[in-house]
Amino acid sequence: MTGTAKALRYAAFTLMVLFGLLGGLFVAGYAFEDPGGWIAVLMTAGWVLPMAALIAYVLVRKEAAGPVFVGVTVFVGLSTVLDSLLTVVPRDDWGPVLAVTVFSLGVALAFLGLFRARLAGLLLLALAFVQLVATALGHLVHGGLFSGEGPGLMALLGGSSGVVVLPLVLIGVLFLMSDSLGHEPRKWTHQPRVRRAH
């Protein structure tokens, strides 16, 4: 791996960890403010423990972690889109559960990126795209996105569901750049012709 590729990979990882710490403190603080008590503990554990399990898995079984992360990303993506259309999770009572799930999966994907930058980058971009689509669908179906009654298109990135999109895109791109720079260019060696002696 070249020095630039390594620097990009660790920059992407560091940015996501910092985003995870700040975002995690915000989400946990919001839960302990309302509803507070043991319910807040359970709500926080509901996203921290799965995230920690995924991180531990990729650190222990990095060779086998790829398919697991693909499966989890597909599951979370489908759940997010379905919830935006059908409101499976009562957001007013439970809060932005699936947005927090996307956020915590993004943090875990950064650990995968240390070992498999290309896969982590692609999954982060896919997760960001699905989150943006789900947010837009939710506003379209429930908030009148294009009728002038709900928020505009730019407001999609400002709420709890949309705020995770830009960091996921940025960090996904950094991982992909790291992967592309980490491959040595193919060197073509010229084989001199051997002439037969007459």
N, C-alpha and C. Protein backbone atom coordinates (compact mmCIF):
# COMPACT_ATOMS: atom_id res chain seq x y z
N MET A 1 0.85 -1.19 0.00
CA MET A 1 0.00 0.00 0.00
C MET A 1 0.89 1.24 0.00
N THR A 2 0.58 2.20 -0.85
CA THR A 2 1.37 3.42 -0.92
C THR A 2 1.09 4.30 0.30
N GLY A 3 2.01 5.26 0.53
CA GLY A 3 1.84 6.14 1.68
C GLY A 3 0.57 6.98 1.61
N THR A 4 0.25 7.47 0.40
CA THR A 4 -0.96 8.28 0.24
C THR A 4 -2.22 7.46 0.49
N ALA A 5 -2.23 6.24 -0.01
CA ALA A 5 -3.39 5.37 0.19
C ALA A 5 -3.59 5.07 1.67
N LYS A 6 -2.49 4.81 2.36
CA LYS A 6 -2.57 4.52 3.79
C LYS A 6 -3.07 5.74 4.56
N ALA A 7 -2.58 6.93 4.18
CA ALA A 7 -3.01 8.16 4.85
C ALA A 7 -4.50 8.40 4.63
N LEU A 8 -4.98 8.17 3.40
CA LEU A 8 -6.41 8.34 3.12
C LEU A 8 -7.26 7.35 3.91
N ARG A 9 -6.78 6.13 3.99
CA ARG A 9 -7.53 5.10 4.71
C ARG A 9 -7.67 5.46 6.19
N TYR A 10 -6.56 5.89 6.79
CA TYR A 10 -6.62 6.24 8.21
C TYR A 10 -7.34 7.56 8.43
N ALA A 11 -7.29 8.45 7.46
CA ALA A 11 -8.06 9.70 7.56
C ALA A 11 -9.56 9.40 7.55
N ALA A 12 -9.97 8.51 6.64
CA ALA A 12 -11.39 8.12 6.57
C ALA A 12 -11.82 7.46 7.87
N PHE A 13 -11.00 6.56 8.38
CA PHE A 13 -11.32 5.87 9.63
C PHE A 13 -11.43 6.86 10.79
N THR A 14 -10.46 7.77 10.88
CA THR A 14 -10.45 8.75 11.98
C THR A 14 -11.66 9.67 11.92
N LEU A 15 -12.00 10.14 10.71
CA LEU A 15 -13.16 11.01 10.57
C LEU A 15 -14.44 10.30 11.01
N MET A 16 -14.58 9.04 10.62
CA MET A 16 -15.79 8.32 11.00
C MET A 16 -15.84 8.05 12.50
N VAL A 17 -14.69 7.75 13.10
CA VAL A 17 -14.68 7.53 14.55
C VAL A 17 -15.04 8.83 15.29
N LEU A 18 -14.50 9.96 14.84
CA LEU A 18 -14.84 11.24 15.46
C LEU A 18 -16.33 11.55 15.28
N PHE A 19 -16.83 11.32 14.07
CA PHE A 19 -18.26 11.52 13.82
C PHE A 19 -19.09 10.58 14.70
N GLY A 20 -18.60 9.35 14.86
CA GLY A 20 -19.30 8.39 15.70
C GLY A 20 -19.33 8.81 17.16
N LEU A 21 -18.20 9.34 17.66
CA LEU A 21 -18.17 9.78 19.05
C LEU A 21 -19.10 10.97 19.28
N LEU A 22 -18.99 11.97 18.41
CA LEU A 22 -19.84 13.16 18.58
C LEU A 22 -21.32 12.82 18.38
N GLY A 23 -21.60 12.06 17.30
CA GLY A 23 -22.98 11.68 17.05
C GLY A 23 -23.53 10.77 18.14
N GLY A 24 -22.69 9.86 18.63
CA GLY A 24 -23.13 8.96 19.69
C GLY A 24 -23.46 9.71 20.97
N LEU A 25 -22.62 10.69 21.31
CA LEU A 25 -22.90 11.50 22.51
C LEU A 25 -24.20 12.29 22.34
N PHE A 26 -24.42 12.80 21.14
CA PHE A 26 -25.65 13.55 20.88
C PHE A 26 -26.88 12.65 21.00
N VAL A 27 -26.81 11.47 20.35
CA VAL A 27 -27.96 10.56 20.37
C VAL A 27 -28.24 10.07 21.79
N ALA A 28 -27.18 9.69 22.51
CA ALA A 28 -27.37 9.22 23.88
C ALA A 28 -27.88 10.34 24.77
N GLY A 29 -27.33 11.55 24.60
CA GLY A 29 -27.79 12.68 25.41
C GLY A 29 -29.25 13.00 25.17
N TYR A 30 -29.65 12.91 23.91
CA TYR A 30 -31.06 13.16 23.57
C TYR A 30 -31.96 12.11 24.23
N ALA A 31 -31.50 10.85 24.23
CA ALA A 31 -32.31 9.79 24.84
C ALA A 31 -32.40 9.97 26.36
N PHE A 32 -31.31 10.38 27.00
CA PHE A 32 -31.34 10.54 28.45
C PHE A 32 -32.09 11.80 28.87
N GLU A 33 -32.24 12.73 27.93
CA GLU A 33 -33.05 13.91 28.22
C GLU A 33 -34.53 13.58 28.11
N ASP A 34 -34.87 12.80 27.11
CA ASP A 34 -36.26 12.40 26.89
C ASP A 34 -36.26 11.06 26.15
N PRO A 35 -36.64 9.95 26.73
CA PRO A 35 -37.46 9.82 27.95
C PRO A 35 -36.66 9.72 29.24
N GLY A 36 -35.37 9.44 29.18
CA GLY A 36 -34.56 9.34 30.39
C GLY A 36 -34.74 8.02 31.11
N GLY A 37 -33.99 7.86 32.20
CA GLY A 37 -34.10 6.67 33.04
C GLY A 37 -33.66 5.39 32.34
N TRP A 38 -34.26 4.28 32.76
CA TRP A 38 -33.89 2.97 32.22
C TRP A 38 -34.28 2.81 30.76
N ILE A 39 -35.31 3.51 30.34
CA ILE A 39 -35.71 3.44 28.93
C ILE A 39 -34.61 4.01 28.06
N ALA A 40 -33.99 5.10 28.51
CA ALA A 40 -32.88 5.68 27.76
C ALA A 40 -31.69 4.73 27.71
N VAL A 41 -31.44 4.03 28.82
CA VAL A 41 -30.35 3.04 28.85
C VAL A 41 -30.61 1.95 27.83
N LEU A 42 -31.85 1.45 27.79
CA LEU A 42 -32.21 0.39 26.84
C LEU A 42 -32.14 0.89 25.40
N MET A 43 -32.59 2.12 25.16
CA MET A 43 -32.55 2.67 23.81
C MET A 43 -31.10 2.84 23.34
N THR A 44 -30.23 3.30 24.22
CA THR A 44 -28.83 3.48 23.85
C THR A 44 -28.15 2.13 23.63
N ALA A 45 -28.45 1.18 24.51
CA ALA A 45 -27.87 -0.16 24.34
C ALA A 45 -28.35 -0.81 23.06
N GLY A 46 -29.56 -0.44 22.60
CA GLY A 46 -30.13 -1.03 21.39
C GLY A 46 -29.33 -0.73 20.13
N TRP A 47 -28.55 0.36 20.12
CA TRP A 47 -27.70 0.61 18.95
C TRP A 47 -26.21 0.47 19.25
N VAL A 48 -25.83 0.68 20.52
CA VAL A 48 -24.41 0.58 20.86
C VAL A 48 -23.95 -0.88 20.84
N LEU A 49 -24.74 -1.78 21.40
CA LEU A 49 -24.32 -3.19 21.47
C LEU A 49 -24.20 -3.85 20.10
N PRO A 50 -25.17 -3.69 19.18
CA PRO A 50 -24.97 -4.26 17.84
C PRO A 50 -23.77 -3.65 17.11
N MET A 51 -23.56 -2.35 17.28
CA MET A 51 -22.41 -1.71 16.65
C MET A 51 -21.11 -2.28 17.21
N ALA A 52 -21.04 -2.44 18.53
CA ALA A 52 -19.84 -3.00 19.15
C ALA A 52 -19.62 -4.45 18.71
N ALA A 53 -20.72 -5.20 18.55
CA ALA A 53 -20.59 -6.59 18.09
C ALA A 53 -20.03 -6.66 16.68
N LEU A 54 -20.50 -5.78 15.79
CA LEU A 54 -19.98 -5.75 14.42
C LEU A 54 -18.50 -5.35 14.40
N ILE A 55 -18.15 -4.37 15.22
CA ILE A 55 -16.75 -3.94 15.28
C ILE A 55 -15.87 -5.06 15.79
N ALA A 56 -16.32 -5.73 16.85
CA ALA A 56 -15.54 -6.84 17.40
C ALA A 56 -15.40 -7.96 16.37
N TYR A 57 -16.47 -8.21 15.62
CA TYR A 57 -16.43 -9.28 14.62
C TYR A 57 -15.41 -8.98 13.52
N VAL A 58 -15.40 -7.74 13.04
CA VAL A 58 -14.47 -7.41 11.96
C VAL A 58 -13.03 -7.41 12.46
N LEU A 59 -12.82 -7.09 13.72
CA LEU A 59 -11.46 -7.10 14.25
C LEU A 59 -10.95 -8.53 14.48
N VAL A 60 -11.87 -9.42 14.81
CA VAL A 60 -11.46 -10.81 15.07
C VAL A 60 -11.49 -11.67 13.81
N ARG A 61 -12.48 -11.45 12.95
CA ARG A 61 -12.67 -12.28 11.76
C ARG A 61 -12.69 -11.43 10.50
N LYS A 62 -11.64 -10.66 10.28
CA LYS A 62 -11.65 -9.71 9.15
C LYS A 62 -11.78 -10.39 7.80
N GLU A 63 -11.30 -11.64 7.66
CA GLU A 63 -11.42 -12.35 6.38
C GLU A 63 -12.87 -12.70 6.07
N ALA A 64 -13.65 -13.00 7.09
CA ALA A 64 -15.03 -13.44 6.89
C ALA A 64 -16.04 -12.32 7.07
N ALA A 65 -15.59 -11.12 7.42
CA ALA A 65 -16.52 -10.04 7.77
C ALA A 65 -17.25 -9.45 6.58
N GLY A 66 -16.67 -9.54 5.36
CA GLY A 66 -17.26 -8.92 4.20
C GLY A 66 -18.70 -9.32 3.94
N PRO A 67 -18.99 -10.62 3.77
CA PRO A 67 -20.38 -11.03 3.51
C PRO A 67 -21.34 -10.65 4.63
N VAL A 68 -20.87 -10.67 5.87
CA VAL A 68 -21.73 -10.29 7.00
C VAL A 68 -22.13 -8.82 6.88
N PHE A 69 -21.17 -7.95 6.56
CA PHE A 69 -21.46 -6.54 6.43
C PHE A 69 -22.34 -6.25 5.22
N VAL A 70 -22.16 -7.00 4.15
CA VAL A 70 -23.04 -6.83 2.98
C VAL A 70 -24.48 -7.18 3.37
N GLY A 71 -24.63 -8.31 4.05
CA GLY A 71 -25.97 -8.74 4.48
C GLY A 71 -26.63 -7.75 5.42
N VAL A 72 -25.87 -7.25 6.40
CA VAL A 72 -26.42 -6.29 7.36
C VAL A 72 -26.79 -4.98 6.66
N THR A 73 -25.94 -4.54 5.72
CA THR A 73 -26.23 -3.29 5.00
C THR A 73 -27.49 -3.41 4.15
N VAL A 74 -27.65 -4.54 3.47
CA VAL A 74 -28.86 -4.77 2.67
C VAL A 74 -30.09 -4.79 3.58
N PHE A 75 -30.00 -5.47 4.70
CA PHE A 75 -31.13 -5.56 5.63
C PHE A 75 -31.51 -4.17 6.17
N VAL A 76 -30.50 -3.42 6.61
CA VAL A 76 -30.77 -2.07 7.15
C VAL A 76 -31.32 -1.16 6.06
N GLY A 77 -30.78 -1.26 4.85
CA GLY A 77 -31.27 -0.44 3.75
C GLY A 77 -32.72 -0.72 3.42
N LEU A 78 -33.07 -1.99 3.30
CA LEU A 78 -34.46 -2.35 3.01
C LEU A 78 -35.39 -1.93 4.14
N SER A 79 -34.95 -2.11 5.38
CA SER A 79 -35.77 -1.71 6.53
C SER A 79 -36.02 -0.22 6.53
N THR A 80 -34.99 0.56 6.17
CA THR A 80 -35.11 2.01 6.15
C THR A 80 -36.12 2.47 5.09
N VAL A 81 -36.05 1.86 3.90
CA VAL A 81 -36.98 2.23 2.84
C VAL A 81 -38.41 1.83 3.20
N LEU A 82 -38.58 0.62 3.72
CA LEU A 82 -39.92 0.16 4.11
C LEU A 82 -40.51 1.04 5.20
N ASP A 83 -39.69 1.42 6.17
CA ASP A 83 -40.19 2.27 7.25
C ASP A 83 -40.59 3.65 6.74
N SER A 84 -39.84 4.16 5.77
CA SER A 84 -40.19 5.48 5.23
C SER A 84 -41.53 5.46 4.51
N LEU A 85 -41.88 4.30 3.95
CA LEU A 85 -43.15 4.19 3.23
C LEU A 85 -44.31 3.79 4.14
N LEU A 86 -44.04 2.87 5.09
CA LEU A 86 -45.12 2.29 5.88
C LEU A 86 -45.13 2.71 7.34
N THR A 87 -44.13 3.45 7.78
CA THR A 87 -43.99 3.87 9.17
C THR A 87 -44.12 2.68 10.12
N VAL A 88 -43.20 1.73 9.95
CA VAL A 88 -43.18 0.54 10.80
C VAL A 88 -42.81 0.90 12.23
N VAL A 89 -41.82 1.78 12.38
CA VAL A 89 -41.36 2.21 13.71
C VAL A 89 -42.03 3.54 14.04
N PRO A 90 -42.76 3.62 15.16
CA PRO A 90 -43.42 4.88 15.53
C PRO A 90 -42.39 5.94 15.94
N ARG A 91 -42.07 6.83 15.02
CA ARG A 91 -41.01 7.81 15.23
C ARG A 91 -41.32 8.77 16.38
N ASP A 92 -42.57 9.16 16.53
CA ASP A 92 -42.93 10.10 17.59
C ASP A 92 -42.71 9.50 18.97
N ASP A 93 -42.87 8.18 19.09
CA ASP A 93 -42.70 7.53 20.39
C ASP A 93 -41.26 7.04 20.61
N TRP A 94 -40.64 6.50 19.56
CA TRP A 94 -39.33 5.86 19.71
C TRP A 94 -38.17 6.70 19.19
N GLY A 95 -38.46 7.74 18.42
CA GLY A 95 -37.40 8.56 17.84
C GLY A 95 -36.91 7.99 16.52
N PRO A 96 -35.87 8.58 15.95
CA PRO A 96 -35.36 8.14 14.64
C PRO A 96 -34.52 6.87 14.73
N VAL A 97 -35.19 5.77 15.01
CA VAL A 97 -34.49 4.49 15.27
C VAL A 97 -33.65 4.06 14.08
N LEU A 98 -34.23 4.10 12.88
CA LEU A 98 -33.49 3.59 11.72
C LEU A 98 -32.40 4.54 11.28
N ALA A 99 -32.57 5.84 11.48
CA ALA A 99 -31.48 6.77 11.19
C ALA A 99 -30.30 6.50 12.11
N VAL A 100 -30.57 6.21 13.37
CA VAL A 100 -29.51 5.87 14.32
C VAL A 100 -28.88 4.54 13.94
N THR A 101 -29.67 3.61 13.44
CA THR A 101 -29.14 2.33 12.98
C THR A 101 -28.19 2.52 11.81
N VAL A 102 -28.57 3.37 10.85
CA VAL A 102 -27.70 3.68 9.72
C VAL A 102 -26.41 4.32 10.21
N PHE A 103 -26.53 5.23 11.15
CA PHE A 103 -25.36 5.91 11.73
C PHE A 103 -24.41 4.89 12.38
N SER A 104 -24.95 4.01 13.20
CA SER A 104 -24.08 3.05 13.91
C SER A 104 -23.46 2.04 12.95
N LEU A 105 -24.19 1.65 11.91
CA LEU A 105 -23.61 0.76 10.90
C LEU A 105 -22.49 1.46 10.14
N GLY A 106 -22.66 2.74 9.87
CA GLY A 106 -21.60 3.51 9.21
C GLY A 106 -20.32 3.52 10.03
N VAL A 107 -20.44 3.67 11.34
CA VAL A 107 -19.26 3.65 12.22
C VAL A 107 -18.60 2.28 12.16
N ALA A 108 -19.38 1.21 12.21
CA ALA A 108 -18.81 -0.14 12.14
C ALA A 108 -18.13 -0.38 10.79
N LEU A 109 -18.70 0.17 9.72
CA LEU A 109 -18.10 0.01 8.39
C LEU A 109 -16.73 0.66 8.29
N ALA A 110 -16.48 1.68 9.10
CA ALA A 110 -15.17 2.31 9.10
C ALA A 110 -14.10 1.32 9.57
N PHE A 111 -14.45 0.45 10.49
CA PHE A 111 -13.50 -0.56 10.96
C PHE A 111 -13.25 -1.60 9.87
N LEU A 112 -14.30 -1.93 9.12
CA LEU A 112 -14.10 -2.81 7.97
C LEU A 112 -13.17 -2.15 6.96
N GLY A 113 -13.28 -0.83 6.82
CA GLY A 113 -12.46 -0.10 5.87
C GLY A 113 -10.97 -0.18 6.15
N LEU A 114 -10.60 -0.44 7.38
CA LEU A 114 -9.17 -0.60 7.70
C LEU A 114 -8.57 -1.79 6.96
N PHE A 115 -9.38 -2.81 6.69
CA PHE A 115 -8.90 -4.04 6.07
C PHE A 115 -9.39 -4.20 4.64
N ARG A 116 -10.60 -3.71 4.35
CA ARG A 116 -11.18 -3.84 3.01
C ARG A 116 -11.80 -2.50 2.62
N ALA A 117 -10.92 -1.60 2.19
CA ALA A 117 -11.33 -0.22 1.93
C ALA A 117 -12.36 -0.13 0.81
N ARG A 118 -12.16 -0.91 -0.25
CA ARG A 118 -13.08 -0.83 -1.39
C ARG A 118 -14.49 -1.26 -1.00
N LEU A 119 -14.61 -2.39 -0.34
CA LEU A 119 -15.92 -2.88 0.07
C LEU A 119 -16.58 -1.91 1.04
N ALA A 120 -15.83 -1.42 2.02
CA ALA A 120 -16.39 -0.47 2.99
C ALA A 120 -16.84 0.80 2.30
N GLY A 121 -16.05 1.30 1.35
CA GLY A 121 -16.43 2.51 0.63
C GLY A 121 -17.71 2.33 -0.16
N LEU A 122 -17.82 1.21 -0.85
CA LEU A 122 -19.03 0.94 -1.64
C LEU A 122 -20.26 0.81 -0.74
N LEU A 123 -20.11 0.12 0.38
CA LEU A 123 -21.24 -0.06 1.30
C LEU A 123 -21.64 1.26 1.94
N LEU A 124 -20.67 2.11 2.26
CA LEU A 124 -20.99 3.42 2.83
C LEU A 124 -21.75 4.28 1.83
N LEU A 125 -21.32 4.26 0.57
CA LEU A 125 -22.03 5.03 -0.46
C LEU A 125 -23.44 4.48 -0.69
N ALA A 126 -23.56 3.16 -0.71
CA ALA A 126 -24.88 2.54 -0.88
C ALA A 126 -25.79 2.90 0.29
N LEU A 127 -25.25 2.86 1.49
CA LEU A 127 -26.03 3.19 2.68
C LEU A 127 -26.48 4.65 2.65
N ALA A 128 -25.59 5.54 2.23
CA ALA A 128 -25.94 6.96 2.14
C ALA A 128 -27.03 7.18 1.09
N PHE A 129 -26.90 6.51 -0.06
CA PHE A 129 -27.90 6.65 -1.12
C PHE A 129 -29.26 6.15 -0.65
N VAL A 130 -29.29 5.00 -0.01
CA VAL A 130 -30.56 4.44 0.47
C VAL A 130 -31.16 5.34 1.53
N GLN A 131 -30.33 5.88 2.42
CA GLN A 131 -30.84 6.77 3.46
C GLN A 131 -31.45 8.03 2.85
N LEU A 132 -30.79 8.58 1.83
CA LEU A 132 -31.32 9.78 1.16
C LEU A 132 -32.63 9.48 0.46
N VAL A 133 -32.68 8.34 -0.24
CA VAL A 133 -33.92 7.94 -0.92
C VAL A 133 -35.04 7.71 0.08
N ALA A 134 -34.72 7.03 1.18
CA ALA A 134 -35.74 6.76 2.20
C ALA A 134 -36.25 8.06 2.82
N THR A 135 -35.35 9.00 3.08
CA THR A 135 -35.76 10.28 3.65
C THR A 135 -36.66 11.03 2.68
N ALA A 136 -36.28 11.04 1.39
CA ALA A 136 -37.10 11.71 0.38
C ALA A 136 -38.46 11.05 0.25
N LEU A 137 -38.48 9.70 0.26
CA LEU A 137 -39.76 8.99 0.17
C LEU A 137 -40.64 9.28 1.37
N GLY A 138 -40.02 9.33 2.55
CA GLY A 138 -40.80 9.63 3.76
C GLY A 138 -41.44 11.00 3.69
N HIS A 139 -40.69 11.99 3.22
CA HIS A 139 -41.25 13.34 3.08
C HIS A 139 -42.29 13.40 1.97
N LEU A 140 -42.06 12.63 0.92
CA LEU A 140 -42.99 12.63 -0.20
C LEU A 140 -44.33 12.01 0.20
N VAL A 141 -44.26 10.89 0.91
CA VAL A 141 -45.48 10.18 1.29
C VAL A 141 -46.19 10.86 2.45
N HIS A 142 -45.41 11.29 3.46
CA HIS A 142 -46.05 11.78 4.69
C HIS A 142 -45.98 13.30 4.87
N GLY A 143 -45.04 13.96 4.15
CA GLY A 143 -44.86 15.37 4.43
C GLY A 143 -45.13 16.31 3.29
N GLY A 144 -45.57 15.83 2.14
CA GLY A 144 -45.86 16.71 1.03
C GLY A 144 -44.64 17.44 0.52
N LEU A 145 -43.61 16.70 0.15
CA LEU A 145 -42.33 17.27 -0.26
C LEU A 145 -42.47 18.23 -1.44
N PHE A 146 -43.28 17.85 -2.42
CA PHE A 146 -43.39 18.66 -3.63
C PHE A 146 -44.66 19.51 -3.66
N SER A 147 -45.45 19.44 -2.60
CA SER A 147 -46.69 20.21 -2.60
C SER A 147 -46.52 21.60 -2.01
N GLY A 148 -45.36 21.87 -1.46
CA GLY A 148 -45.13 23.16 -0.83
C GLY A 148 -45.50 23.17 0.63
N GLU A 149 -46.12 22.10 1.13
CA GLU A 149 -46.52 22.04 2.54
C GLU A 149 -45.39 21.56 3.43
N GLY A 150 -44.54 20.66 2.92
CA GLY A 150 -43.46 20.10 3.72
C GLY A 150 -42.16 20.81 3.45
N PRO A 151 -41.05 20.26 3.97
CA PRO A 151 -39.74 20.87 3.76
C PRO A 151 -39.29 20.72 2.31
N GLY A 152 -38.39 21.60 1.89
CA GLY A 152 -37.85 21.53 0.54
C GLY A 152 -36.83 20.42 0.41
N LEU A 153 -36.34 20.26 -0.81
CA LEU A 153 -35.36 19.21 -1.07
C LEU A 153 -34.09 19.37 -0.25
N MET A 154 -33.61 20.62 -0.09
CA MET A 154 -32.38 20.84 0.67
C MET A 154 -32.55 20.53 2.14
N ALA A 155 -33.77 20.61 2.63
CA ALA A 155 -34.03 20.34 4.05
C ALA A 155 -33.91 18.86 4.38
N LEU A 156 -33.87 18.02 3.34
CA LEU A 156 -33.74 16.58 3.58
C LEU A 156 -32.45 16.24 4.31
N LEU A 157 -31.40 17.03 4.09
CA LEU A 157 -30.11 16.74 4.70
C LEU A 157 -29.97 17.36 6.08
N GLY A 158 -30.99 18.10 6.52
CA GLY A 158 -30.86 18.79 7.79
C GLY A 158 -31.45 18.06 8.98
N GLY A 159 -32.37 17.15 8.74
CA GLY A 159 -33.01 16.44 9.85
C GLY A 159 -32.16 15.28 10.34
N SER A 160 -32.67 14.60 11.34
CA SER A 160 -31.93 13.47 11.91
C SER A 160 -31.73 12.35 10.91
N SER A 161 -32.66 12.19 9.98
CA SER A 161 -32.53 11.14 8.98
C SER A 161 -31.53 11.49 7.89
N GLY A 162 -31.45 12.78 7.54
CA GLY A 162 -30.58 13.18 6.45
C GLY A 162 -29.18 13.59 6.86
N VAL A 163 -28.98 13.89 8.14
CA VAL A 163 -27.70 14.44 8.58
C VAL A 163 -26.57 13.42 8.47
N VAL A 164 -26.89 12.14 8.43
CA VAL A 164 -25.83 11.13 8.33
C VAL A 164 -25.36 10.92 6.89
N VAL A 165 -26.10 11.45 5.92
CA VAL A 165 -25.80 11.15 4.52
C VAL A 165 -24.44 11.71 4.09
N LEU A 166 -24.19 12.99 4.34
CA LEU A 166 -22.95 13.61 3.87
C LEU A 166 -21.69 12.98 4.46
N PRO A 167 -21.64 12.72 5.78
CA PRO A 167 -20.45 12.03 6.31
C PRO A 167 -20.23 10.65 5.69
N LEU A 168 -21.32 9.91 5.46
CA LEU A 168 -21.18 8.59 4.85
C LEU A 168 -20.60 8.70 3.44
N VAL A 169 -21.07 9.70 2.68
CA VAL A 169 -20.57 9.89 1.32
C VAL A 169 -19.08 10.27 1.34
N LEU A 170 -18.75 11.24 2.17
CA LEU A 170 -17.36 11.71 2.24
C LEU A 170 -16.41 10.58 2.63
N ILE A 171 -16.76 9.84 3.65
CA ILE A 171 -15.88 8.78 4.14
C ILE A 171 -15.85 7.61 3.16
N GLY A 172 -16.98 7.32 2.54
CA GLY A 172 -16.99 6.28 1.51
C GLY A 172 -16.08 6.61 0.35
N VAL A 173 -16.12 7.87 -0.10
CA VAL A 173 -15.24 8.31 -1.20
C VAL A 173 -13.78 8.22 -0.80
N LEU A 174 -13.46 8.60 0.43
CA LEU A 174 -12.07 8.51 0.90
C LEU A 174 -11.58 7.06 0.90
N PHE A 175 -12.42 6.14 1.34
CA PHE A 175 -12.03 4.73 1.33
C PHE A 175 -11.81 4.23 -0.10
N LEU A 176 -12.67 4.64 -1.03
CA LEU A 176 -12.51 4.21 -2.42
C LEU A 176 -11.24 4.81 -3.04
N MET A 177 -10.95 6.06 -2.72
CA MET A 177 -9.72 6.67 -3.21
C MET A 177 -8.50 5.94 -2.64
N SER A 178 -8.59 5.58 -1.37
CA SER A 178 -7.49 4.84 -0.75
C SER A 178 -7.26 3.51 -1.44
N ASP A 179 -8.36 2.84 -1.79
CA ASP A 179 -8.24 1.55 -2.47
C ASP A 179 -7.63 1.70 -3.85
N SER A 180 -8.07 2.73 -4.59
CA SER A 180 -7.56 2.90 -5.96
C SER A 180 -6.08 3.28 -5.96
N LEU A 181 -5.65 4.06 -4.96
CA LEU A 181 -4.24 4.44 -4.88
C LEU A 181 -3.37 3.34 -4.30
N GLY A 182 -3.99 2.40 -3.60
CA GLY A 182 -3.23 1.35 -2.95
C GLY A 182 -2.79 0.24 -3.87
N HIS A 183 -3.36 0.17 -5.07
CA HIS A 183 -2.96 -0.87 -6.02
C HIS A 183 -1.77 -0.41 -6.83
N GLU A 184 -0.79 -1.24 -6.88
CA GLU A 184 0.39 -0.92 -7.69
C GLU A 184 0.02 -0.96 -9.17
N PRO A 185 0.47 0.02 -9.95
CA PRO A 185 0.20 -0.05 -11.39
C PRO A 185 0.90 -1.24 -12.01
N ARG A 186 0.24 -1.82 -12.98
CA ARG A 186 0.81 -3.00 -13.64
C ARG A 186 2.01 -2.60 -14.49
N LYS A 187 3.10 -3.24 -14.25
CA LYS A 187 4.32 -2.91 -14.99
C LYS A 187 4.50 -3.89 -16.14
N TRP A 188 4.58 -3.33 -17.32
CA TRP A 188 4.79 -4.16 -18.50
C TRP A 188 6.29 -4.28 -18.74
N THR A 189 6.75 -5.47 -18.76
CA THR A 189 8.19 -5.69 -18.98
C THR A 189 8.40 -6.07 -20.43
N HIS A 190 9.36 -5.44 -21.02
CA HIS A 190 9.66 -5.71 -22.42
C HIS A 190 10.63 -6.88 -22.52
N GLN A 191 10.17 -7.90 -23.18
CA GLN A 191 11.03 -9.07 -23.37
C GLN A 191 11.78 -8.92 -24.68
N PRO A 192 13.09 -8.85 -24.62
CA PRO A 192 13.84 -8.71 -25.87
C PRO A 192 13.72 -9.96 -26.73
N ARG A 193 13.64 -9.72 -28.03
CA ARG A 193 13.56 -10.85 -28.96
C ARG A 193 14.89 -11.57 -29.05
N VAL A 194 14.77 -12.84 -29.05
CA VAL A 194 15.99 -13.66 -29.23
C VAL A 194 16.04 -14.08 -30.67
N ARG A 195 17.06 -13.63 -31.34
CA ARG A 195 17.18 -13.98 -32.76
C ARG A 195 17.93 -15.29 -32.89
N ARG A 196 17.42 -16.08 -33.79
CA ARG A 196 18.12 -17.34 -34.05
C ARG A 196 19.43 -17.10 -34.80
N ALA A 197 20.41 -17.82 -34.37
CA ALA A 197 21.70 -17.72 -35.05
C ALA A 197 21.65 -18.50 -36.36
N HIS A 198 22.14 -17.91 -37.43
CA HIS A 198 22.14 -18.57 -38.73
C HIS A 198 23.43 -19.35 -38.93
